[in-house]
Amino acid sequence: MVTYLDIAKSAIETEIRSLNCLAATLDENFERAVELIVNTSGKIVASGIGKSFIAAQKIAASLSSIGTSSVFLSAGEASHGDLGMIAKGDTALIISNSGASAEIVHIINYCKSIKVPIISIVRNKNSFLCQESSISLLLPDFSEVALKIPSTSFTLTSVIGDALVACIVEAKKVTTEQYKTYHPGGKIGASLTRVFELMRTGSEIPIIKTGSLMSEALILMTNKSLGCVVITDNDDRMIGIITDGDLRRHMNSAIADMTVNEVMTASPKTIEPNILVSEALDYMNSKKITKLIVAQGKNLVGIVSIHDCIALGLEIVES
């Protein structure tokens, strides 16, 4: 008896076979498509109908997120005024299985009339779309996973889009900082934030001199509300840190009369300001600490707290 698990595995294997075939059949047209997109002076207009339109939306959004100006155009709406979205200097990216639907033909004819090049992602190499395209990326023969429901076809077109984006990132040398500029919000933006953008600096850092009494340190820790105090020598070089954990380990009736040097953790762990906050969070979690000193060489420049990282929207990933 065939189980649901058997059906699910068969569906996944069907798509995997098609993706392997796609990887094997990609040719120089793919490289030409990358070069055309990179050299487009206007925007990329991605279009399709049905599930192909959803794939086009995803590709356009991904391209925009790496700084390649892109929009998506519904083939169904194009014939009713939205063709004006396409302008000279643009490149059209049209996705269609058959390459012959009436809505697609209208877009093709308009692009040809204003000399806008067309990149097509299409299965039928004899279709009007394929024949009229500047560059065609042909889909290999495939089977949908159930009935005629677009499934494998959607996966193939989406993956071609992902491959194009990966190549354009390389071609344009898109940096993490640039990507964050285009995507400052949400968890992605948070994960690309650098420590120097989040750390506490200046008067926010609780600093006390070597040899000071713990009674002073306790007041400073309370006033700064960071749960720690940094100890520096007479030349303002950082030599240690006292955290809530250090207090618990040394808690007794005489702690107020102890010096900070007796309680502190010497040579505390540090991190550089250019490190990603997500990396700092992972490091603090792995070391079971909640505060991390930010330093450049031996110079103290800030403090980052695990709570600040979490407030930014990041999550602790348990190893």
Protein backbone atom coordinates (compact mmCIF):
# COMPACT_ATOMS: atom_id res chain seq x y z
CA MET A 1 0.00 0.00 0.00
CA VAL A 2 1.38 3.42 -0.99
CA THR A 3 1.61 5.75 1.99
CA TYR A 4 1.54 9.53 2.11
CA LEU A 5 5.23 9.40 3.01
CA ASP A 6 5.91 7.40 -0.17
CA ILE A 7 4.05 9.99 -2.23
CA ALA A 8 5.93 12.85 -0.57
CA LYS A 9 9.31 11.24 -1.18
CA SER A 10 8.39 10.51 -4.79
CA ALA A 11 7.39 14.17 -5.31
CA ILE A 12 10.69 15.39 -3.89
CA GLU A 13 12.69 12.92 -5.97
CA THR A 14 10.83 14.01 -9.12
CA GLU A 15 11.88 17.60 -8.54
CA ILE A 16 15.45 16.63 -7.66
CA ARG A 17 15.80 14.72 -10.94
CA SER A 18 14.54 17.74 -12.86
CA LEU A 19 16.95 20.07 -11.04
CA ASN A 20 19.86 17.75 -11.84
CA CYS A 21 18.80 17.81 -15.48
CA LEU A 22 18.59 21.61 -15.40
CA ALA A 23 22.13 21.85 -14.00
CA ALA A 24 23.38 19.56 -16.76
CA THR A 25 21.69 21.49 -19.59
CA LEU A 26 22.58 25.08 -18.67
CA ASP A 27 24.69 26.56 -21.45
CA GLU A 28 26.29 29.79 -22.63
CA ASN A 29 22.86 31.40 -22.91
CA PHE A 30 22.79 31.56 -19.12
CA GLU A 31 26.06 33.50 -19.10
CA ARG A 32 24.71 35.83 -21.77
CA ALA A 33 21.60 36.41 -19.64
CA VAL A 34 23.74 37.36 -16.64
CA GLU A 35 25.76 39.80 -18.73
CA LEU A 36 22.62 41.37 -20.19
CA ILE A 37 21.10 41.92 -16.75
CA VAL A 38 24.35 43.35 -15.38
CA ASN A 39 24.64 45.76 -18.32
CA THR A 40 20.99 46.86 -18.36
CA SER A 41 20.86 50.63 -17.88
CA GLY A 42 17.20 50.66 -16.91
CA LYS A 43 15.31 48.12 -14.85
CA ILE A 44 14.51 44.43 -15.12
CA VAL A 45 10.81 43.79 -15.76
CA ALA A 46 9.95 40.23 -14.75
CA SER A 47 6.65 38.86 -15.99
CA GLY A 48 4.56 35.75 -16.31
CA ILE A 49 1.06 34.46 -15.75
CA GLY A 50 -0.28 32.11 -13.11
CA LYS A 51 2.45 30.41 -11.07
CA SER A 52 5.03 31.82 -13.48
CA PHE A 53 4.04 35.29 -12.31
CA ILE A 54 4.71 34.25 -8.70
CA ALA A 55 8.18 33.05 -9.75
CA ALA A 56 8.67 36.37 -11.58
CA GLN A 57 7.73 38.30 -8.44
CA LYS A 58 10.28 36.37 -6.41
CA ILE A 59 13.06 36.92 -8.96
CA ALA A 60 12.31 40.65 -9.24
CA ALA A 61 12.29 41.01 -5.45
CA SER A 62 15.61 39.16 -5.12
CA LEU A 63 17.24 41.28 -7.83
CA SER A 64 16.03 44.49 -6.18
CA SER A 65 17.44 43.31 -2.84
CA ILE A 66 20.95 43.27 -4.33
CA GLY A 67 20.62 46.67 -5.98
CA THR A 68 19.47 45.63 -9.47
CA SER A 69 16.37 47.74 -10.04
CA SER A 70 13.55 45.32 -10.85
CA VAL A 71 9.78 45.23 -10.99
CA PHE A 72 7.22 42.56 -11.75
CA LEU A 73 4.50 42.87 -14.34
CA SER A 74 1.42 40.68 -14.38
CA ALA A 75 0.94 39.38 -17.91
CA GLY A 76 -2.80 39.43 -17.26
CA GLU A 77 -2.76 43.16 -16.53
CA ALA A 78 -0.17 44.13 -19.13
CA SER A 79 -2.70 44.35 -21.96
CA HIS A 80 -4.87 46.69 -19.91
CA GLY A 81 -2.44 49.56 -19.48
CA ASP A 82 0.46 48.11 -17.48
CA LEU A 83 2.67 47.72 -20.56
CA GLY A 84 3.67 51.33 -19.89
CA MET A 85 5.79 49.93 -17.06
CA ILE A 86 8.31 48.78 -19.68
CA ALA A 87 10.57 51.48 -21.10
CA LYS A 88 13.60 51.79 -23.38
CA GLY A 89 16.73 50.77 -21.55
CA ASP A 90 14.91 48.02 -19.66
CA THR A 91 15.27 44.27 -20.06
CA ALA A 92 12.23 42.00 -19.93
CA LEU A 93 12.45 38.63 -18.18
CA ILE A 94 9.45 36.57 -19.25
CA ILE A 95 8.58 33.19 -17.74
CA SER A 96 6.20 30.82 -19.52
CA ASN A 97 5.92 27.07 -19.86
CA SER A 98 4.19 27.09 -23.24
CA GLY A 99 5.52 30.46 -24.42
CA ALA A 100 2.39 31.00 -26.47
CA SER A 101 -0.35 32.46 -24.25
CA ALA A 102 -2.09 35.55 -25.63
CA GLU A 103 -1.08 37.66 -22.63
CA ILE A 104 2.58 36.82 -23.16
CA VAL A 105 2.35 37.60 -26.90
CA HIS A 106 1.18 41.15 -26.13
CA ILE A 107 4.22 41.76 -23.94
CA ILE A 108 6.57 40.31 -26.57
CA ASN A 109 5.15 42.49 -29.33
CA TYR A 110 5.41 45.61 -27.19
CA CYS A 111 9.01 44.87 -26.21
CA LYS A 112 9.94 44.33 -29.85
CA SER A 113 8.30 47.61 -30.85
CA ILE A 114 10.44 49.65 -28.42
CA LYS A 115 13.55 47.48 -28.84
CA VAL A 116 13.60 46.09 -25.29
CA PRO A 117 15.58 42.83 -25.14
CA ILE A 118 13.82 39.75 -23.81
CA ILE A 119 15.24 36.99 -21.65
CA SER A 120 12.85 34.07 -21.57
CA ILE A 121 12.59 31.10 -19.25
CA VAL A 122 10.53 28.68 -21.31
CA ARG A 123 10.06 24.98 -21.95
CA ASN A 124 8.84 24.99 -25.55
CA LYS A 125 11.82 25.84 -27.79
CA ASN A 126 9.47 26.18 -30.80
CA SER A 127 7.23 28.71 -29.07
CA PHE A 128 6.70 32.30 -30.12
CA LEU A 129 8.36 33.46 -26.90
CA CYS A 130 11.48 31.40 -27.47
CA GLN A 131 11.79 32.48 -31.10
CA GLU A 132 11.36 36.18 -30.32
CA SER A 133 13.64 36.28 -27.27
CA SER A 134 17.10 37.81 -27.32
CA ILE A 135 18.18 35.01 -24.97
CA SER A 136 16.26 31.86 -24.08
CA LEU A 137 16.86 29.74 -21.00
CA LEU A 138 15.22 26.43 -21.85
CA LEU A 139 13.68 24.25 -19.18
CA PRO A 140 14.46 20.53 -19.46
CA ASP A 141 11.69 17.97 -19.88
CA PHE A 142 9.99 17.44 -16.55
CA SER A 143 6.93 15.98 -14.87
CA GLU A 144 4.79 17.86 -12.41
CA VAL A 145 4.48 16.00 -9.11
CA ALA A 146 0.68 15.64 -9.29
CA LEU A 147 -1.82 16.05 -12.11
CA LYS A 148 -0.87 19.17 -14.10
CA ILE A 149 -0.46 21.34 -11.01
CA PRO A 150 2.56 23.68 -11.52
CA SER A 151 5.13 22.30 -9.12
CA THR A 152 8.32 21.08 -10.77
CA SER A 153 7.97 23.86 -13.35
CA PHE A 154 7.74 26.46 -10.55
CA THR A 155 10.76 24.99 -8.80
CA LEU A 156 12.85 25.03 -11.97
CA THR A 157 12.04 28.65 -12.82
CA SER A 158 12.63 29.77 -9.24
CA VAL A 159 15.99 28.03 -9.10
CA ILE A 160 17.07 29.62 -12.39
CA GLY A 161 16.20 32.95 -10.80
CA ASP A 162 18.28 32.10 -7.72
CA ALA A 163 21.21 31.13 -9.97
CA LEU A 164 20.95 34.44 -11.85
CA VAL A 165 20.94 36.37 -8.57
CA ALA A 166 23.99 34.46 -7.29
CA CYS A 167 25.90 35.27 -10.47
CA ILE A 168 24.92 38.94 -10.39
CA VAL A 169 26.08 39.22 -6.77
CA GLU A 170 29.46 37.99 -7.97
CA ALA A 171 29.50 40.09 -11.14
CA LYS A 172 28.65 43.32 -9.30
CA LYS A 173 30.69 42.40 -6.20
CA VAL A 174 27.71 43.14 -3.95
CA THR A 175 28.97 43.43 -0.38
CA THR A 176 27.26 42.63 2.91
CA GLU A 177 27.11 46.36 3.66
CA GLN A 178 25.39 47.08 0.33
CA TYR A 179 22.90 44.28 0.89
CA LYS A 180 22.07 45.69 4.32
CA THR A 181 21.49 49.10 2.72
CA TYR A 182 18.84 47.55 0.49
CA HIS A 183 17.44 45.38 3.28
CA PRO A 184 17.73 47.22 6.62
CA GLY A 185 14.57 45.77 8.17
CA GLY A 186 13.57 42.47 9.71
CA LYS A 187 15.81 39.66 10.84
CA ILE A 188 17.93 39.87 7.71
CA GLY A 189 18.79 43.50 8.40
CA ALA A 190 19.41 42.67 12.06
CA SER A 191 21.71 39.78 11.17
CA LEU A 192 23.81 42.10 8.99
CA THR A 193 24.24 44.75 11.68
CA ARG A 194 27.81 45.29 12.88
CA VAL A 195 28.79 45.40 16.54
CA PHE A 196 29.87 49.06 16.33
CA GLU A 197 26.30 49.98 15.36
CA LEU A 198 24.85 48.43 18.52
CA MET A 199 27.52 48.64 21.23
CA ARG A 200 27.39 50.93 24.24
CA THR A 201 30.08 53.61 24.06
CA GLY A 202 31.50 56.62 25.92
CA SER A 203 29.76 57.49 29.17
CA GLU A 204 27.48 54.47 28.79
CA ILE A 205 30.42 52.17 29.64
CA PRO A 206 30.88 51.55 33.38
CA ILE A 207 34.63 52.00 33.91
CA ILE A 208 36.54 51.95 37.18
CA LYS A 209 40.24 52.23 37.98
CA THR A 210 42.40 49.41 39.28
CA GLY A 211 42.58 49.26 43.07
CA SER A 212 39.12 50.78 43.58
CA LEU A 213 36.86 49.32 46.23
CA MET A 214 33.98 47.03 45.33
CA SER A 215 31.62 49.41 47.15
CA GLU A 216 32.30 51.94 44.37
CA ALA A 217 32.03 49.28 41.67
CA LEU A 218 28.65 48.11 42.96
CA ILE A 219 27.25 51.64 42.84
CA LEU A 220 28.60 52.13 39.31
CA MET A 221 27.14 48.81 38.13
CA THR A 222 23.76 49.81 39.54
CA ASN A 223 23.80 53.28 37.98
CA LYS A 224 24.86 52.10 34.51
CA SER A 225 22.35 49.19 34.47
CA LEU A 226 24.61 46.98 32.37
CA GLY A 227 25.34 44.34 34.96
CA CYS A 228 29.09 44.76 34.64
CA VAL A 229 32.00 47.10 35.19
CA VAL A 230 35.27 47.33 33.25
CA ILE A 231 38.53 47.75 35.16
CA THR A 232 41.34 49.80 33.61
CA ASP A 233 44.91 50.48 34.72
CA ASN A 234 46.41 53.92 35.27
CA ASP A 235 47.14 54.18 31.55
CA ASP A 236 43.45 53.53 30.73
CA ARG A 237 44.19 50.06 29.38
CA MET A 238 41.53 47.46 30.05
CA ILE A 239 42.70 44.76 32.48
CA GLY A 240 39.50 43.05 33.59
CA ILE A 241 35.75 42.92 33.94
CA ILE A 242 33.35 42.26 36.78
CA THR A 243 29.96 40.78 35.88
CA ASP A 244 26.98 39.53 37.85
CA GLY A 245 28.56 36.08 37.72
CA ASP A 246 31.74 37.36 39.39
CA LEU A 247 29.63 38.93 42.14
CA ARG A 248 27.85 35.66 42.82
CA ARG A 249 31.14 33.77 43.02
CA HIS A 250 32.59 36.24 45.54
CA MET A 251 29.43 37.11 47.46
CA ASN A 252 30.04 37.43 51.19
CA SER A 253 29.62 40.07 53.88
CA ALA A 254 33.06 41.52 53.22
CA ILE A 255 32.72 41.99 49.43
CA ALA A 256 32.18 45.75 49.71
CA ASP A 257 35.62 46.13 51.29
CA MET A 258 37.40 44.05 48.63
CA THR A 259 39.18 45.66 45.72
CA VAL A 260 37.97 45.25 42.17
CA ASN A 261 41.19 43.40 41.37
CA GLU A 262 40.24 40.64 43.82
CA VAL A 263 36.87 40.04 42.15
CA MET A 264 37.44 40.77 38.48
CA THR A 265 37.96 38.32 35.65
CA ALA A 266 41.35 39.25 34.23
CA SER A 267 42.02 39.37 30.48
CA PRO A 268 38.33 39.21 29.57
CA LYS A 269 37.09 37.98 26.21
CA THR A 270 36.79 40.71 23.58
CA ILE A 271 35.45 41.19 20.10
CA GLU A 272 36.24 43.66 17.32
CA PRO A 273 33.71 46.37 16.40
CA ASN A 274 33.44 45.29 12.75
CA ILE A 275 32.16 41.82 13.61
CA LEU A 276 28.52 41.02 12.80
CA VAL A 277 26.20 41.23 15.79
CA SER A 278 24.92 37.74 14.93
CA GLU A 279 28.48 36.41 15.32
CA ALA A 280 28.88 38.23 18.63
CA LEU A 281 25.62 36.67 19.85
CA ASP A 282 26.76 33.19 18.86
CA TYR A 283 30.11 33.78 20.59
CA MET A 284 28.49 34.95 23.83
CA ASN A 285 26.15 31.98 23.78
CA SER A 286 28.98 29.52 23.19
CA LYS A 287 31.02 31.01 26.06
CA LYS A 288 27.98 31.28 28.36
CA ILE A 289 28.50 35.01 28.92
CA THR A 290 26.06 37.91 28.59
CA LYS A 291 28.46 40.84 28.09
CA LEU A 292 31.29 41.20 25.62
CA ILE A 293 33.92 43.93 25.60
CA VAL A 294 34.48 45.54 22.21
CA ALA A 295 38.12 46.42 21.66
CA GLN A 296 40.55 47.50 18.98
CA GLY A 297 43.87 46.07 20.01
CA LYS A 298 44.15 46.94 23.70
CA ASN A 299 41.84 49.91 23.42
CA LEU A 300 38.35 49.64 24.92
CA VAL A 301 35.77 51.05 22.49
CA GLY A 302 32.48 49.64 23.74
CA ILE A 303 30.40 46.90 25.32
CA VAL A 304 27.78 44.73 23.66
CA SER A 305 25.15 42.88 25.67
CA ILE A 306 23.39 39.65 24.75
CA HIS A 307 20.13 41.38 25.65
CA ASP A 308 20.81 44.17 23.12
CA CYS A 309 21.36 41.52 20.44
CA ILE A 310 18.08 39.80 21.27
CA ALA A 311 16.25 43.15 21.35
CA LEU A 312 17.52 43.75 17.81
CA GLY A 313 15.50 40.74 16.71
CA LEU A 314 18.19 38.07 16.67
CA GLU A 315 17.71 34.63 18.16
CA ILE A 316 20.07 32.41 20.09
CA VAL A 317 20.80 29.26 18.14
CA GLU A 318 21.67 26.37 20.41
CA SER A 319 24.57 24.24 19.22
